[in-house]
Amino acid sequence: MRQWIGKPVILYCGEPPYVTFRGVLRKWDAAAGRIVVGHQETGVPLREIVMIKALAPKERALPPALNPVGYCMRERQQFDNAVYFKSAVTVWKGDRLIALNTTLASHTKGSVTLEDGRTLIKGNHQFVVRSLRG
């Protein structure tokens, strides 16, 4: 069954009407009893899978891409989501670019920690996030 790793597949799970998962099969973890599929790395238990089929070329989804439109983060929820989803964030201080397409490691009420370890003050910087489409 490991021949499916790295291939675009469609998984049929449960009982009819089947729940389907589409994407590239990333991992086959027999010890945990699951496989990982798609760019969001969705874990599917092996006992739930009824059938695995190769995706036809016309059924394959486009790879995820950054949304060309960004928005300024100001609310706590926006920072939470950027950390959780590892969204691409551009950081500006005035008209100077501080970081391009970085991710946020964490944030507090007044500061943000970038993936490279730098800590920036929210009041002094502007954080523009771009979501991932696909």
N, C-alpha and C. Protein backbone atom coordinates (compact mmCIF):
# COMPACT_ATOMS: atom_id res chain seq x y z
N MET A 1 0.82 -1.21 0.00
CA MET A 1 0.00 0.00 0.00
C MET A 1 0.85 1.26 0.00
N ARG A 2 2.14 1.13 0.26
CA ARG A 2 2.98 2.32 0.31
C ARG A 2 3.22 2.92 -1.08
N GLN A 3 2.76 2.24 -2.14
CA GLN A 3 2.93 2.78 -3.49
C GLN A 3 2.11 4.05 -3.70
N TRP A 4 1.16 4.34 -2.81
CA TRP A 4 0.33 5.53 -2.93
C TRP A 4 1.01 6.78 -2.38
N ILE A 5 2.08 6.65 -1.59
CA ILE A 5 2.74 7.81 -0.99
C ILE A 5 3.29 8.72 -2.10
N GLY A 6 2.94 10.01 -2.00
CA GLY A 6 3.38 11.00 -2.98
C GLY A 6 2.49 11.11 -4.19
N LYS A 7 1.43 10.33 -4.26
CA LYS A 7 0.53 10.34 -5.40
C LYS A 7 -0.78 11.08 -5.06
N PRO A 8 -1.38 11.77 -6.03
CA PRO A 8 -2.68 12.39 -5.80
C PRO A 8 -3.76 11.30 -5.75
N VAL A 9 -4.51 11.28 -4.68
CA VAL A 9 -5.51 10.22 -4.46
C VAL A 9 -6.83 10.81 -3.99
N ILE A 10 -7.85 9.96 -4.02
CA ILE A 10 -9.12 10.26 -3.40
C ILE A 10 -9.43 9.09 -2.46
N LEU A 11 -9.75 9.42 -1.22
CA LEU A 11 -10.07 8.41 -0.21
C LEU A 11 -11.56 8.40 0.01
N TYR A 12 -12.14 7.22 0.04
CA TYR A 12 -13.56 7.05 0.37
C TYR A 12 -13.62 6.47 1.77
N CYS A 13 -14.33 7.16 2.67
CA CYS A 13 -14.37 6.76 4.08
C CYS A 13 -15.80 6.58 4.56
N GLY A 14 -15.96 5.70 5.55
CA GLY A 14 -17.27 5.50 6.17
C GLY A 14 -18.17 4.61 5.35
N GLU A 15 -19.46 4.86 5.47
CA GLU A 15 -20.47 4.11 4.74
C GLU A 15 -21.17 5.02 3.75
N PRO A 16 -21.80 4.44 2.71
CA PRO A 16 -22.48 5.30 1.72
C PRO A 16 -23.52 6.19 2.38
N PRO A 17 -23.64 7.45 2.02
CA PRO A 17 -22.79 8.18 1.08
C PRO A 17 -21.41 8.43 1.71
N TYR A 18 -20.36 8.12 0.97
CA TYR A 18 -19.00 8.20 1.48
C TYR A 18 -18.54 9.64 1.72
N VAL A 19 -17.71 9.80 2.72
CA VAL A 19 -16.99 11.05 2.92
C VAL A 19 -15.71 10.90 2.12
N THR A 20 -15.37 11.90 1.31
CA THR A 20 -14.17 11.79 0.47
C THR A 20 -13.13 12.81 0.89
N PHE A 21 -11.88 12.43 0.73
CA PHE A 21 -10.72 13.30 0.95
C PHE A 21 -9.89 13.24 -0.32
N ARG A 22 -9.51 14.41 -0.83
CA ARG A 22 -8.68 14.48 -2.04
C ARG A 22 -7.37 15.18 -1.71
N GLY A 23 -6.31 14.73 -2.34
CA GLY A 23 -5.02 15.37 -2.17
C GLY A 23 -3.89 14.38 -2.33
N VAL A 24 -2.69 14.85 -2.10
CA VAL A 24 -1.51 14.00 -2.19
C VAL A 24 -1.37 13.24 -0.88
N LEU A 25 -1.18 11.93 -0.98
CA LEU A 25 -0.99 11.11 0.22
C LEU A 25 0.42 11.39 0.76
N ARG A 26 0.50 12.01 1.92
CA ARG A 26 1.78 12.46 2.49
C ARG A 26 2.51 11.37 3.27
N LYS A 27 1.78 10.69 4.18
CA LYS A 27 2.42 9.69 5.05
C LYS A 27 1.49 8.51 5.25
N TRP A 28 2.10 7.35 5.43
CA TRP A 28 1.38 6.14 5.79
C TRP A 28 1.94 5.71 7.13
N ASP A 29 1.21 5.95 8.21
CA ASP A 29 1.69 5.68 9.56
C ASP A 29 0.96 4.47 10.13
N ALA A 30 1.53 3.28 9.90
CA ALA A 30 0.90 2.05 10.36
C ALA A 30 0.88 1.96 11.89
N ALA A 31 1.91 2.50 12.54
CA ALA A 31 1.98 2.44 14.01
C ALA A 31 0.82 3.22 14.64
N ALA A 32 0.49 4.38 14.08
CA ALA A 32 -0.62 5.20 14.61
C ALA A 32 -1.96 4.79 14.00
N GLY A 33 -1.93 3.95 12.97
CA GLY A 33 -3.16 3.50 12.34
C GLY A 33 -3.86 4.57 11.54
N ARG A 34 -3.08 5.40 10.83
CA ARG A 34 -3.68 6.46 10.04
C ARG A 34 -2.78 6.82 8.86
N ILE A 35 -3.38 7.53 7.90
CA ILE A 35 -2.60 8.11 6.81
C ILE A 35 -2.83 9.61 6.82
N VAL A 36 -1.91 10.34 6.24
CA VAL A 36 -1.99 11.79 6.18
C VAL A 36 -2.11 12.18 4.71
N VAL A 37 -3.15 13.00 4.41
CA VAL A 37 -3.42 13.37 3.02
C VAL A 37 -3.64 14.88 2.92
N GLY A 38 -3.22 15.46 1.78
CA GLY A 38 -3.49 16.86 1.48
C GLY A 38 -2.47 17.82 2.05
N HIS A 39 -2.53 19.08 1.55
CA HIS A 39 -1.59 20.10 2.01
C HIS A 39 -1.90 20.54 3.43
N GLN A 40 -3.12 20.28 3.91
CA GLN A 40 -3.46 20.61 5.30
C GLN A 40 -3.12 19.46 6.24
N GLU A 41 -2.57 18.40 5.67
CA GLU A 41 -2.14 17.22 6.41
C GLU A 41 -3.26 16.68 7.31
N THR A 42 -4.37 16.32 6.67
CA THR A 42 -5.51 15.73 7.36
C THR A 42 -5.21 14.27 7.66
N GLY A 43 -5.31 13.89 8.93
CA GLY A 43 -5.10 12.50 9.33
C GLY A 43 -6.39 11.71 9.22
N VAL A 44 -6.34 10.57 8.53
CA VAL A 44 -7.51 9.72 8.33
C VAL A 44 -7.20 8.35 8.92
N PRO A 45 -8.03 7.85 9.87
CA PRO A 45 -7.79 6.52 10.44
C PRO A 45 -7.93 5.43 9.38
N LEU A 46 -7.04 4.44 9.43
CA LEU A 46 -7.05 3.37 8.44
C LEU A 46 -8.36 2.58 8.49
N ARG A 47 -8.92 2.40 9.67
CA ARG A 47 -10.14 1.60 9.81
C ARG A 47 -11.35 2.24 9.14
N GLU A 48 -11.27 3.57 8.87
CA GLU A 48 -12.38 4.29 8.24
C GLU A 48 -12.33 4.23 6.71
N ILE A 49 -11.18 3.89 6.14
CA ILE A 49 -10.99 3.95 4.69
C ILE A 49 -11.61 2.73 4.03
N VAL A 50 -12.50 2.97 3.07
CA VAL A 50 -13.14 1.90 2.32
C VAL A 50 -12.37 1.63 1.04
N MET A 51 -11.92 2.72 0.36
CA MET A 51 -11.25 2.57 -0.92
C MET A 51 -10.32 3.75 -1.17
N ILE A 52 -9.20 3.47 -1.85
CA ILE A 52 -8.27 4.51 -2.29
C ILE A 52 -8.16 4.41 -3.80
N LYS A 53 -8.35 5.56 -4.49
CA LYS A 53 -8.23 5.58 -5.94
C LYS A 53 -7.31 6.73 -6.34
N ALA A 54 -6.60 6.53 -7.45
CA ALA A 54 -5.75 7.60 -7.99
C ALA A 54 -6.65 8.67 -8.59
N LEU A 55 -6.29 9.92 -8.40
CA LEU A 55 -7.05 11.03 -8.98
C LEU A 55 -6.71 11.16 -10.46
N ALA A 56 -7.73 11.36 -11.27
CA ALA A 56 -7.52 11.63 -12.68
C ALA A 56 -6.93 13.03 -12.81
N PRO A 57 -6.15 13.30 -13.87
CA PRO A 57 -5.53 14.63 -14.01
C PRO A 57 -6.52 15.78 -13.94
N LYS A 58 -7.74 15.61 -14.48
CA LYS A 58 -8.71 16.70 -14.45
C LYS A 58 -9.30 16.92 -13.06
N GLU A 59 -9.17 15.94 -12.15
CA GLU A 59 -9.70 16.07 -10.80
C GLU A 59 -8.71 16.68 -9.81
N ARG A 60 -7.46 16.76 -10.21
CA ARG A 60 -6.43 17.24 -9.30
C ARG A 60 -6.59 18.73 -9.05
N ALA A 61 -6.47 19.11 -7.80
CA ALA A 61 -6.59 20.52 -7.43
C ALA A 61 -5.27 21.23 -7.69
N LEU A 62 -5.36 22.52 -7.88
CA LEU A 62 -4.15 23.32 -8.02
C LEU A 62 -3.44 23.38 -6.68
N PRO A 63 -2.12 23.50 -6.67
CA PRO A 63 -1.42 23.60 -5.40
C PRO A 63 -1.79 24.88 -4.68
N PRO A 64 -1.72 24.88 -3.35
CA PRO A 64 -2.08 26.10 -2.62
C PRO A 64 -1.16 27.26 -3.00
N ALA A 65 -1.73 28.46 -3.03
CA ALA A 65 -0.97 29.65 -3.38
C ALA A 65 -1.36 30.78 -2.43
N LEU A 66 -0.44 31.71 -2.23
CA LEU A 66 -0.73 32.86 -1.38
C LEU A 66 -1.75 33.76 -2.06
N ASN A 67 -2.72 34.20 -1.29
CA ASN A 67 -3.72 35.13 -1.77
C ASN A 67 -3.02 36.46 -2.08
N PRO A 68 -3.27 37.08 -3.25
CA PRO A 68 -2.57 38.32 -3.58
C PRO A 68 -3.01 39.51 -2.73
N VAL A 69 -4.15 39.40 -2.06
CA VAL A 69 -4.66 40.50 -1.24
C VAL A 69 -4.32 40.23 0.22
N GLY A 70 -3.71 41.21 0.88
CA GLY A 70 -3.39 41.09 2.30
C GLY A 70 -4.21 42.08 3.10
N TYR A 71 -4.24 41.88 4.41
CA TYR A 71 -4.93 42.84 5.27
C TYR A 71 -4.12 43.08 6.52
N CYS A 72 -4.27 44.27 7.08
CA CYS A 72 -3.55 44.67 8.29
C CYS A 72 -4.19 44.00 9.50
N MET A 73 -3.37 43.41 10.33
CA MET A 73 -3.87 42.77 11.55
C MET A 73 -3.89 43.78 12.68
N ARG A 74 -5.04 43.83 13.36
CA ARG A 74 -5.18 44.73 14.51
C ARG A 74 -5.79 44.03 15.72
N GLU A 75 -6.62 43.02 15.48
CA GLU A 75 -7.33 42.33 16.55
C GLU A 75 -6.56 41.10 17.04
N ARG A 76 -6.78 40.73 18.29
CA ARG A 76 -6.12 39.56 18.88
C ARG A 76 -6.44 38.29 18.09
N GLN A 77 -7.69 38.15 17.66
CA GLN A 77 -8.12 36.96 16.91
C GLN A 77 -7.35 36.81 15.61
N GLN A 78 -7.05 37.91 14.94
CA GLN A 78 -6.29 37.87 13.70
C GLN A 78 -4.87 37.36 13.94
N PHE A 79 -4.25 37.81 15.03
CA PHE A 79 -2.91 37.32 15.37
C PHE A 79 -2.96 35.84 15.75
N ASP A 80 -4.00 35.45 16.51
CA ASP A 80 -4.16 34.04 16.88
C ASP A 80 -4.24 33.16 15.63
N ASN A 81 -5.06 33.57 14.67
CA ASN A 81 -5.23 32.79 13.44
C ASN A 81 -3.95 32.74 12.62
N ALA A 82 -3.21 33.84 12.56
CA ALA A 82 -1.96 33.87 11.81
C ALA A 82 -0.94 32.91 12.42
N VAL A 83 -0.91 32.82 13.75
CA VAL A 83 0.00 31.88 14.43
C VAL A 83 -0.46 30.45 14.17
N TYR A 84 -1.75 30.19 14.35
CA TYR A 84 -2.29 28.83 14.22
C TYR A 84 -2.15 28.29 12.81
N PHE A 85 -2.48 29.09 11.79
CA PHE A 85 -2.44 28.63 10.41
C PHE A 85 -1.10 28.87 9.73
N LYS A 86 -0.13 29.41 10.45
CA LYS A 86 1.21 29.70 9.91
C LYS A 86 1.11 30.50 8.61
N SER A 87 0.32 31.56 8.66
CA SER A 87 0.10 32.41 7.49
C SER A 87 1.34 33.26 7.20
N ALA A 88 1.49 33.63 5.93
CA ALA A 88 2.59 34.50 5.52
C ALA A 88 2.30 35.92 5.98
N VAL A 89 3.24 36.51 6.72
CA VAL A 89 3.06 37.86 7.27
C VAL A 89 4.22 38.73 6.82
N THR A 90 3.89 39.94 6.37
CA THR A 90 4.89 40.94 6.03
C THR A 90 4.84 42.01 7.11
N VAL A 91 6.01 42.41 7.62
CA VAL A 91 6.07 43.37 8.72
C VAL A 91 6.71 44.66 8.21
N TRP A 92 6.04 45.78 8.51
CA TRP A 92 6.51 47.11 8.13
C TRP A 92 6.68 47.97 9.36
N LYS A 93 7.66 48.85 9.32
CA LYS A 93 7.82 49.90 10.33
C LYS A 93 7.89 51.19 9.56
N GLY A 94 6.75 51.89 9.53
CA GLY A 94 6.66 53.08 8.69
C GLY A 94 6.68 52.65 7.23
N ASP A 95 7.63 53.17 6.46
CA ASP A 95 7.76 52.77 5.07
C ASP A 95 8.92 51.80 4.85
N ARG A 96 9.47 51.26 5.95
CA ARG A 96 10.60 50.34 5.88
C ARG A 96 10.13 48.90 6.06
N LEU A 97 10.55 48.02 5.17
CA LEU A 97 10.20 46.60 5.25
C LEU A 97 11.09 45.92 6.28
N ILE A 98 10.48 45.29 7.29
CA ILE A 98 11.23 44.60 8.34
C ILE A 98 11.37 43.12 8.02
N ALA A 99 10.26 42.47 7.60
CA ALA A 99 10.28 41.04 7.28
C ALA A 99 9.29 40.76 6.16
N LEU A 100 9.69 39.93 5.21
CA LEU A 100 8.86 39.58 4.07
C LEU A 100 8.46 38.11 4.15
N ASN A 101 7.18 37.83 4.09
CA ASN A 101 6.64 36.46 4.09
C ASN A 101 7.21 35.59 5.20
N THR A 102 7.19 36.10 6.40
CA THR A 102 7.62 35.33 7.56
C THR A 102 6.38 34.76 8.25
N THR A 103 6.56 33.93 9.24
CA THR A 103 5.44 33.43 10.03
C THR A 103 5.63 33.86 11.48
N LEU A 104 4.52 33.93 12.20
CA LEU A 104 4.56 34.33 13.59
C LEU A 104 4.68 33.10 14.47
N ALA A 105 5.61 33.14 15.42
CA ALA A 105 5.77 32.04 16.36
C ALA A 105 4.77 32.18 17.50
N SER A 106 4.59 33.40 18.01
CA SER A 106 3.64 33.65 19.10
C SER A 106 3.38 35.15 19.19
N HIS A 107 2.41 35.51 20.06
CA HIS A 107 2.15 36.92 20.30
C HIS A 107 1.55 37.09 21.69
N THR A 108 1.74 38.27 22.23
CA THR A 108 1.14 38.65 23.51
C THR A 108 0.32 39.91 23.26
N LYS A 109 -0.14 40.53 24.33
CA LYS A 109 -0.98 41.73 24.18
C LYS A 109 -0.24 42.85 23.46
N GLY A 110 1.07 43.00 23.68
CA GLY A 110 1.78 44.13 23.10
C GLY A 110 2.93 43.78 22.18
N SER A 111 3.26 42.49 22.02
CA SER A 111 4.41 42.14 21.19
C SER A 111 4.14 40.89 20.36
N VAL A 112 4.97 40.71 19.34
CA VAL A 112 4.88 39.56 18.43
C VAL A 112 6.27 38.96 18.30
N THR A 113 6.36 37.64 18.35
CA THR A 113 7.63 36.94 18.13
C THR A 113 7.58 36.27 16.76
N LEU A 114 8.55 36.59 15.91
CA LEU A 114 8.63 36.02 14.57
C LEU A 114 9.29 34.65 14.63
N GLU A 115 9.22 33.90 13.52
CA GLU A 115 9.79 32.57 13.47
C GLU A 115 11.31 32.57 13.67
N ASP A 116 11.98 33.67 13.34
CA ASP A 116 13.43 33.74 13.51
C ASP A 116 13.84 34.20 14.91
N GLY A 117 12.85 34.41 15.79
CA GLY A 117 13.15 34.76 17.18
C GLY A 117 13.08 36.24 17.51
N ARG A 118 12.96 37.10 16.50
CA ARG A 118 12.87 38.53 16.77
C ARG A 118 11.53 38.86 17.44
N THR A 119 11.57 39.75 18.41
CA THR A 119 10.35 40.22 19.08
C THR A 119 10.11 41.66 18.67
N LEU A 120 8.89 41.93 18.19
CA LEU A 120 8.54 43.26 17.71
C LEU A 120 7.34 43.78 18.50
N ILE A 121 7.28 45.10 18.69
CA ILE A 121 6.19 45.75 19.40
C ILE A 121 5.04 45.98 18.42
N LYS A 122 3.82 45.58 18.82
CA LYS A 122 2.66 45.73 17.94
C LYS A 122 2.37 47.20 17.61
N GLY A 123 2.55 48.10 18.56
CA GLY A 123 2.25 49.51 18.34
C GLY A 123 3.20 50.20 17.39
N ASN A 124 4.42 49.69 17.25
CA ASN A 124 5.43 50.32 16.40
C ASN A 124 5.49 49.74 14.99
N HIS A 125 4.84 48.60 14.76
CA HIS A 125 4.95 47.90 13.48
C HIS A 125 3.57 47.64 12.90
N GLN A 126 3.54 47.47 11.60
CA GLN A 126 2.30 47.10 10.91
C GLN A 126 2.48 45.69 10.37
N PHE A 127 1.51 44.80 10.67
CA PHE A 127 1.58 43.40 10.28
C PHE A 127 0.52 43.14 9.21
N VAL A 128 0.97 42.75 8.02
CA VAL A 128 0.06 42.47 6.90
C VAL A 128 0.11 40.98 6.63
N VAL A 129 -1.05 40.32 6.71
CA VAL A 129 -1.13 38.88 6.54
C VAL A 129 -1.77 38.55 5.20
N ARG A 130 -1.29 37.45 4.60
CA ARG A 130 -1.86 36.93 3.36
C ARG A 130 -2.25 35.49 3.61
N SER A 131 -3.49 35.15 3.32
CA SER A 131 -3.98 33.80 3.55
C SER A 131 -3.53 32.86 2.43
N LEU A 132 -3.67 31.56 2.68
CA LEU A 132 -3.30 30.53 1.72
C LEU A 132 -4.57 30.05 1.05
N ARG A 133 -4.61 30.11 -0.28
CA ARG A 133 -5.78 29.62 -1.03
C ARG A 133 -5.48 28.24 -1.55
N GLY A 134 -6.52 27.40 -1.55
CA GLY A 134 -6.38 26.09 -2.19
C GLY A 134 -6.42 24.95 -1.30
